[in-house]
Amino acid sequence: PGSPIFTVLHLSDIHVDFAYTPGSQGDCSQPLCCRGGQPAPGHTGAGF
């Protein structure tokens, strides 16, 4: 009671990647992953 209430929205690493493809290979050695291609067997695809 009497304490201020704060609403906080923290956003980080905000960028738009128009080549991003959900479900694509997300664990790769390239600088930018998740841009198409199927995940290797045993690897999880990219999510959002």
PDB file of N, CA and C in Angstrom:
ATOM      1  N   PRO A   1       0.831  -1.198   0.000  1.00  0.00           N
ATOM      2  CA  PRO A   1       0.000   0.000   0.000  1.00  0.00           C
ATOM      3  C   PRO A   1       0.869   1.252   0.000  1.00  0.00           C
ATOM      4  N   GLY A   2       0.559   2.177  -0.848  1.00  0.00           N
ATOM      5  CA  GLY A   2       1.310   3.414  -0.917  1.00  0.00           C
ATOM      6  C   GLY A   2       2.563   3.336  -1.770  1.00  0.00           C
ATOM      7  N   SER A   3       2.961   2.141  -2.159  1.00  0.00           N
ATOM      8  CA  SER A   3       4.151   1.992  -2.994  1.00  0.00           C
ATOM      9  C   SER A   3       3.801   2.254  -4.455  1.00  0.00           C
ATOM     10  N   PRO A   4       4.712   2.886  -5.203  1.00  0.00           N
ATOM     11  CA  PRO A   4       4.433   3.126  -6.619  1.00  0.00           C
ATOM     12  C   PRO A   4       4.430   1.812  -7.409  1.00  0.00           C
ATOM     13  N   ILE A   5       3.615   1.771  -8.427  1.00  0.00           N
ATOM     14  CA  ILE A   5       3.533   0.600  -9.301  1.00  0.00           C
ATOM     15  C   ILE A   5       4.181   0.975 -10.626  1.00  0.00           C
ATOM     16  N   PHE A   6       5.068   0.119 -11.101  1.00  0.00           N
ATOM     17  CA  PHE A   6       5.758   0.354 -12.358  1.00  0.00           C
ATOM     18  C   PHE A   6       5.368  -0.714 -13.364  1.00  0.00           C
ATOM     19  N   THR A   7       5.183  -0.305 -14.590  1.00  0.00           N
ATOM     20  CA  THR A   7       5.012  -1.237 -15.695  1.00  0.00           C
ATOM     21  C   THR A   7       6.247  -1.090 -16.567  1.00  0.00           C
ATOM     22  N   VAL A   8       6.944  -2.197 -16.795  1.00  0.00           N
ATOM     23  CA  VAL A   8       8.205  -2.155 -17.527  1.00  0.00           C
ATOM     24  C   VAL A   8       8.111  -3.051 -18.749  1.00  0.00           C
ATOM     25  N   LEU A   9       8.545  -2.535 -19.875  1.00  0.00           N
ATOM     26  CA  LEU A   9       8.672  -3.317 -21.102  1.00  0.00           C
ATOM     27  C   LEU A   9      10.129  -3.252 -21.508  1.00  0.00           C
ATOM     28  N   HIS A  10      10.817  -4.390 -21.466  1.00  0.00           N
ATOM     29  CA  HIS A  10      12.234  -4.457 -21.808  1.00  0.00           C
ATOM     30  C   HIS A  10      12.361  -5.198 -23.130  1.00  0.00           C
ATOM     31  N   LEU A  11      12.886  -4.541 -24.130  1.00  0.00           N
ATOM     32  CA  LEU A  11      13.107  -5.149 -25.437  1.00  0.00           C
ATOM     33  C   LEU A  11      14.601  -5.142 -25.712  1.00  0.00           C
ATOM     34  N   SER A  12      15.106  -6.248 -26.238  1.00  0.00           N
ATOM     35  CA  SER A  12      16.524  -6.301 -26.576  1.00  0.00           C
ATOM     36  C   SER A  12      16.707  -7.035 -27.896  1.00  0.00           C
ATOM     37  N   ASP A  13      17.783  -6.739 -28.567  1.00  0.00           N
ATOM     38  CA  ASP A  13      18.146  -7.369 -29.836  1.00  0.00           C
ATOM     39  C   ASP A  13      17.011  -7.244 -30.855  1.00  0.00           C
ATOM     40  N   ILE A  14      16.469  -6.057 -30.978  1.00  0.00           N
ATOM     41  CA  ILE A  14      15.360  -5.830 -31.896  1.00  0.00           C
ATOM     42  C   ILE A  14      15.917  -5.566 -33.295  1.00  0.00           C
ATOM     43  N   HIS A  15      15.551  -6.387 -34.217  1.00  0.00           N
ATOM     44  CA  HIS A  15      15.899  -6.188 -35.623  1.00  0.00           C
ATOM     45  C   HIS A  15      14.912  -6.974 -36.477  1.00  0.00           C
ATOM     46  N   VAL A  16      14.759  -6.559 -37.696  1.00  0.00           N
ATOM     47  CA  VAL A  16      13.867  -7.240 -38.626  1.00  0.00           C
ATOM     48  C   VAL A  16      14.725  -8.017 -39.608  1.00  0.00           C
ATOM     49  N   ASP A  17      14.440  -9.287 -39.761  1.00  0.00           N
ATOM     50  CA  ASP A  17      15.154 -10.129 -40.723  1.00  0.00           C
ATOM     51  C   ASP A  17      14.108 -10.715 -41.658  1.00  0.00           C
ATOM     52  N   PHE A  18      13.966 -10.130 -42.821  1.00  0.00           N
ATOM     53  CA  PHE A  18      12.943 -10.566 -43.761  1.00  0.00           C
ATOM     54  C   PHE A  18      13.246 -11.937 -44.358  1.00  0.00           C
ATOM     55  N   ALA A  19      14.475 -12.436 -44.185  1.00  0.00           N
ATOM     56  CA  ALA A  19      14.840 -13.757 -44.703  1.00  0.00           C
ATOM     57  C   ALA A  19      14.655 -14.856 -43.658  1.00  0.00           C
ATOM     58  N   TYR A  20      14.254 -14.496 -42.410  1.00  0.00           N
ATOM     59  CA  TYR A  20      14.041 -15.481 -41.350  1.00  0.00           C
ATOM     60  C   TYR A  20      12.929 -16.442 -41.748  1.00  0.00           C
ATOM     61  N   THR A  21      13.168 -17.736 -41.528  1.00  0.00           N
ATOM     62  CA  THR A  21      12.178 -18.760 -41.853  1.00  0.00           C
ATOM     63  C   THR A  21      11.949 -19.636 -40.630  1.00  0.00           C
ATOM     64  N   PRO A  22      10.774 -19.554 -39.980  1.00  0.00           N
ATOM     65  CA  PRO A  22      10.493 -20.420 -38.836  1.00  0.00           C
ATOM     66  C   PRO A  22      10.630 -21.887 -39.226  1.00  0.00           C
ATOM     67  N   GLY A  23      11.233 -22.672 -38.354  1.00  0.00           N
ATOM     68  CA  GLY A  23      11.414 -24.098 -38.599  1.00  0.00           C
ATOM     69  C   GLY A  23      12.688 -24.430 -39.346  1.00  0.00           C
ATOM     70  N   SER A  24      13.434 -23.420 -39.781  1.00  0.00           N
ATOM     71  CA  SER A  24      14.668 -23.673 -40.519  1.00  0.00           C
ATOM     72  C   SER A  24      15.808 -24.011 -39.558  1.00  0.00           C
ATOM     73  N   GLN A  25      16.963 -24.331 -40.125  1.00  0.00           N
ATOM     74  CA  GLN A  25      18.137 -24.687 -39.329  1.00  0.00           C
ATOM     75  C   GLN A  25      18.531 -23.500 -38.461  1.00  0.00           C
ATOM     76  N   GLY A  26      18.523 -23.665 -37.151  1.00  0.00           N
ATOM     77  CA  GLY A  26      18.849 -22.586 -36.231  1.00  0.00           C
ATOM     78  C   GLY A  26      20.179 -22.754 -35.548  1.00  0.00           C
ATOM     79  N   ASP A  27      20.823 -23.883 -35.731  1.00  0.00           N
ATOM     80  CA  ASP A  27      22.102 -24.176 -35.089  1.00  0.00           C
ATOM     81  C   ASP A  27      23.113 -24.406 -36.201  1.00  0.00           C
ATOM     82  N   CYS A  28      23.789 -23.334 -36.621  1.00  0.00           N
ATOM     83  CA  CYS A  28      24.721 -23.467 -37.739  1.00  0.00           C
ATOM     84  C   CYS A  28      25.985 -22.669 -37.450  1.00  0.00           C
ATOM     85  N   SER A  29      26.967 -22.807 -38.299  1.00  0.00           N
ATOM     86  CA  SER A  29      28.236 -22.101 -38.108  1.00  0.00           C
ATOM     87  C   SER A  29      28.287 -20.791 -38.888  1.00  0.00           C
ATOM     88  N   GLN A  30      27.207 -20.426 -39.534  1.00  0.00           N
ATOM     89  CA  GLN A  30      27.155 -19.191 -40.314  1.00  0.00           C
ATOM     90  C   GLN A  30      26.851 -17.997 -39.402  1.00  0.00           C
ATOM     91  N   PRO A  31      27.214 -16.784 -39.833  1.00  0.00           N
ATOM     92  CA  PRO A  31      26.903 -15.613 -39.006  1.00  0.00           C
ATOM     93  C   PRO A  31      25.401 -15.389 -38.829  1.00  0.00           C
ATOM     94  N   LEU A  32      24.619 -15.725 -39.836  1.00  0.00           N
ATOM     95  CA  LEU A  32      23.165 -15.588 -39.762  1.00  0.00           C
ATOM     96  C   LEU A  32      22.526 -16.931 -40.064  1.00  0.00           C
ATOM     97  N   CYS A  33      21.852 -17.498 -39.079  1.00  0.00           N
ATOM     98  CA  CYS A  33      21.161 -18.774 -39.267  1.00  0.00           C
ATOM     99  C   CYS A  33      19.664 -18.516 -39.421  1.00  0.00           C
ATOM    100  N   CYS A  34      18.890 -19.577 -39.462  1.00  0.00           N
ATOM    101  CA  CYS A  34      17.426 -19.491 -39.519  1.00  0.00           C
ATOM    102  C   CYS A  34      16.945 -18.844 -40.813  1.00  0.00           C
ATOM    103  N   ARG A  35      17.661 -19.082 -41.905  1.00  0.00           N
ATOM    104  CA  ARG A  35      17.314 -18.455 -43.175  1.00  0.00           C
ATOM    105  C   ARG A  35      17.021 -19.499 -44.240  1.00  0.00           C
ATOM    106  N   GLY A  36      16.316 -20.526 -43.888  1.00  0.00           N
ATOM    107  CA  GLY A  36      15.963 -21.549 -44.863  1.00  0.00           C
ATOM    108  C   GLY A  36      16.748 -22.824 -44.623  1.00  0.00           C
ATOM    109  N   GLY A  37      16.336 -23.873 -45.265  1.00  0.00           N
ATOM    110  CA  GLY A  37      16.981 -25.158 -45.060  1.00  0.00           C
ATOM    111  C   GLY A  37      16.351 -25.887 -43.893  1.00  0.00           C
ATOM    112  N   GLN A  38      16.390 -27.160 -43.934  1.00  0.00           N
ATOM    113  CA  GLN A  38      15.801 -27.974 -42.878  1.00  0.00           C
ATOM    114  C   GLN A  38      16.831 -28.236 -41.787  1.00  0.00           C
ATOM    115  N   PRO A  39      16.389 -28.380 -40.539  1.00  0.00           N
ATOM    116  CA  PRO A  39      17.321 -28.694 -39.458  1.00  0.00           C
ATOM    117  C   PRO A  39      17.947 -30.065 -39.670  1.00  0.00           C
ATOM    118  N   ALA A  40      19.182 -30.201 -39.243  1.00  0.00           N
ATOM    119  CA  ALA A  40      19.862 -31.489 -39.311  1.00  0.00           C
ATOM    120  C   ALA A  40      19.150 -32.474 -38.393  1.00  0.00           C
ATOM    121  N   PRO A  41      19.222 -33.763 -38.693  1.00  0.00           N
ATOM    122  CA  PRO A  41      18.588 -34.750 -37.814  1.00  0.00           C
ATOM    123  C   PRO A  41      19.075 -34.582 -36.366  1.00  0.00           C
ATOM    124  N   GLY A  42      18.142 -34.562 -35.443  1.00  0.00           N
ATOM    125  CA  GLY A  42      18.473 -34.408 -34.033  1.00  0.00           C
ATOM    126  C   GLY A  42      18.562 -32.962 -33.565  1.00  0.00           C
ATOM    127  N   HIS A  43      18.399 -31.998 -34.474  1.00  0.00           N
ATOM    128  CA  HIS A  43      18.445 -30.584 -34.111  1.00  0.00           C
ATOM    129  C   HIS A  43      17.046 -29.990 -34.197  1.00  0.00           C
ATOM    130  N   THR A  44      16.795 -29.040 -33.333  1.00  0.00           N
ATOM    131  CA  THR A  44      15.502 -28.367 -33.312  1.00  0.00           C
ATOM    132  C   THR A  44      15.517 -27.199 -34.285  1.00  0.00           C
ATOM    133  N   GLY A  45      14.427 -27.026 -34.990  1.00  0.00           N
ATOM    134  CA  GLY A  45      14.316 -25.903 -35.916  1.00  0.00           C
ATOM    135  C   GLY A  45      14.109 -24.595 -35.177  1.00  0.00           C
ATOM    136  N   ALA A  46      14.298 -23.512 -35.889  1.00  0.00           N
ATOM    137  CA  ALA A  46      14.135 -22.175 -35.319  1.00  0.00           C
ATOM    138  C   ALA A  46      12.680 -21.922 -34.966  1.00  0.00           C
ATOM    139  N   GLY A  47      12.466 -21.194 -33.919  1.00  0.00           N
ATOM    140  CA  GLY A  47      11.116 -20.826 -33.502  1.00  0.00           C
ATOM    141  C   GLY A  47      10.960 -19.326 -33.491  1.00  0.00           C
ATOM    142  N   PHE A  48       9.855 -18.871 -32.952  1.00  0.00           N
ATOM    143  CA  PHE A  48       9.655 -17.431 -32.811  1.00  0.00           C
ATOM    144  C   PHE A  48       8.773 -17.160 -31.631  1.00  0.00           C
TER     145      PHE A  48
END
